[in-house]
Protein backbone atom coordinates (compact mmCIF):
# COMPACT_ATOMS: atom_id res chain seq x y z
CA UNK A 1 58.56 9.91 -132.78
CA UNK A 2 59.47 13.47 -131.79
CA UNK A 3 55.88 14.60 -132.39
CA UNK A 4 54.53 11.81 -130.17
CA UNK A 5 56.97 12.65 -127.37
CA UNK A 6 56.15 16.35 -127.43
CA UNK A 7 52.41 15.70 -127.42
CA UNK A 8 52.81 13.28 -124.47
CA UNK A 9 54.74 15.99 -122.62
CA UNK A 10 51.99 18.52 -123.33
CA UNK A 11 49.17 16.15 -122.31
CA UNK A 12 50.89 15.19 -119.06
CA UNK A 13 51.53 18.82 -118.12
CA UNK A 14 47.93 19.79 -118.89
CA UNK A 15 46.71 16.94 -116.69
CA UNK A 16 49.01 17.70 -113.74
CA UNK A 17 48.10 21.40 -113.94
CA UNK A 18 44.40 20.50 -113.84
CA UNK A 19 44.88 18.31 -110.76
CA UNK A 20 47.08 20.79 -108.93
CA UNK A 21 50.38 18.91 -108.77
CA UNK A 22 53.19 20.96 -107.29
CA UNK A 23 56.79 21.16 -108.34
CA UNK A 24 58.75 19.98 -105.30
CA UNK A 25 62.27 20.39 -106.67
CA UNK A 26 64.22 20.90 -109.85
CA UNK A 27 67.84 19.87 -110.27
CA UNK A 28 70.24 20.54 -113.12
CA UNK A 29 73.21 18.41 -114.04
CA UNK A 30 75.15 20.70 -116.35
CA UNK A 31 77.79 18.07 -117.11
CA UNK A 32 75.20 15.59 -118.43
CA UNK A 33 72.82 18.31 -119.70
CA UNK A 34 69.87 16.87 -117.77
CA UNK A 35 67.17 18.60 -115.73
CA UNK A 36 65.21 16.48 -113.24
CA UNK A 37 61.94 17.79 -111.84
CA UNK A 38 60.07 16.22 -108.93
CA UNK A 39 56.29 16.72 -108.78
CA UNK A 40 53.92 15.64 -106.02
CA UNK A 41 50.25 15.55 -105.06
CA UNK A 42 49.39 14.31 -101.55
CA UNK A 43 51.24 10.95 -101.42
CA UNK A 44 51.90 10.53 -105.15
CA UNK A 45 55.30 11.49 -106.57
CA UNK A 46 56.72 11.41 -110.06
CA UNK A 47 59.80 12.63 -111.86
CA UNK A 48 60.37 14.33 -115.19
CA UNK A 49 63.81 13.99 -116.76
CA UNK A 50 64.65 16.40 -119.59
CA UNK A 51 67.69 16.16 -121.84
CA UNK A 52 68.59 19.78 -122.64
CA UNK A 53 70.49 18.77 -125.79
CA UNK A 54 67.39 16.99 -127.09
CA UNK A 55 64.30 18.74 -125.63
CA UNK A 56 61.99 16.28 -127.38
CA UNK A 57 63.42 13.44 -125.30
CA UNK A 58 61.54 13.73 -122.03
CA UNK A 59 61.18 10.78 -119.66
CA UNK A 60 58.57 10.45 -116.93
CA UNK A 61 58.96 8.07 -114.01
CA UNK A 62 56.50 7.27 -111.21
CA UNK A 63 55.89 4.59 -108.62
CA UNK A 64 53.02 2.17 -108.08
CA UNK A 65 51.40 1.48 -104.71
CA UNK A 66 54.10 -1.07 -103.86
CA UNK A 67 56.97 1.30 -104.60
CA UNK A 68 57.90 -0.30 -107.91
CA UNK A 69 59.19 1.99 -110.64
CA UNK A 70 56.95 2.62 -113.65
CA UNK A 71 58.28 4.24 -116.82
CA UNK A 72 55.47 6.40 -118.11
CA UNK A 73 54.90 5.81 -121.82
CA UNK A 74 51.41 7.30 -121.97
CA UNK A 75 49.16 9.56 -119.96
CA UNK A 76 47.13 6.48 -119.05
CA UNK A 77 50.16 4.91 -117.29
CA UNK A 78 50.53 7.99 -115.11
CA UNK A 79 46.79 8.23 -114.40
CA UNK A 80 46.53 4.55 -113.48
CA UNK A 81 49.42 4.79 -111.01
CA UNK A 82 48.00 8.02 -109.58
CA UNK A 83 44.48 6.69 -109.00
CA UNK A 84 45.77 3.42 -107.53
CA UNK A 85 47.88 5.45 -105.10
CA UNK A 86 45.07 7.81 -104.15
CA UNK A 87 42.61 4.93 -103.67
CA UNK A 88 44.90 3.50 -100.96
CA UNK A 89 44.42 6.63 -98.81
CA UNK A 90 41.89 6.38 -96.02
């Protein structure tokens, strides 16, 4: 499971780097040992939550076009939400 999580993390970061996503903010909660990063591209936002005690446990969270929360379990989940969001722009 750790290998799958780390490869998902790598694939997502390669994809967001290729598209030009920007890091909007990064917050650390030292008490809970969690780092939260907020990325954006035009109107699409998503969050990356990293547990510093367990670096292999990274969670990604984004929103669909209706504002509903989507837990990203694969790169396809993130891409689908992104392209749905971008297609709504006119």
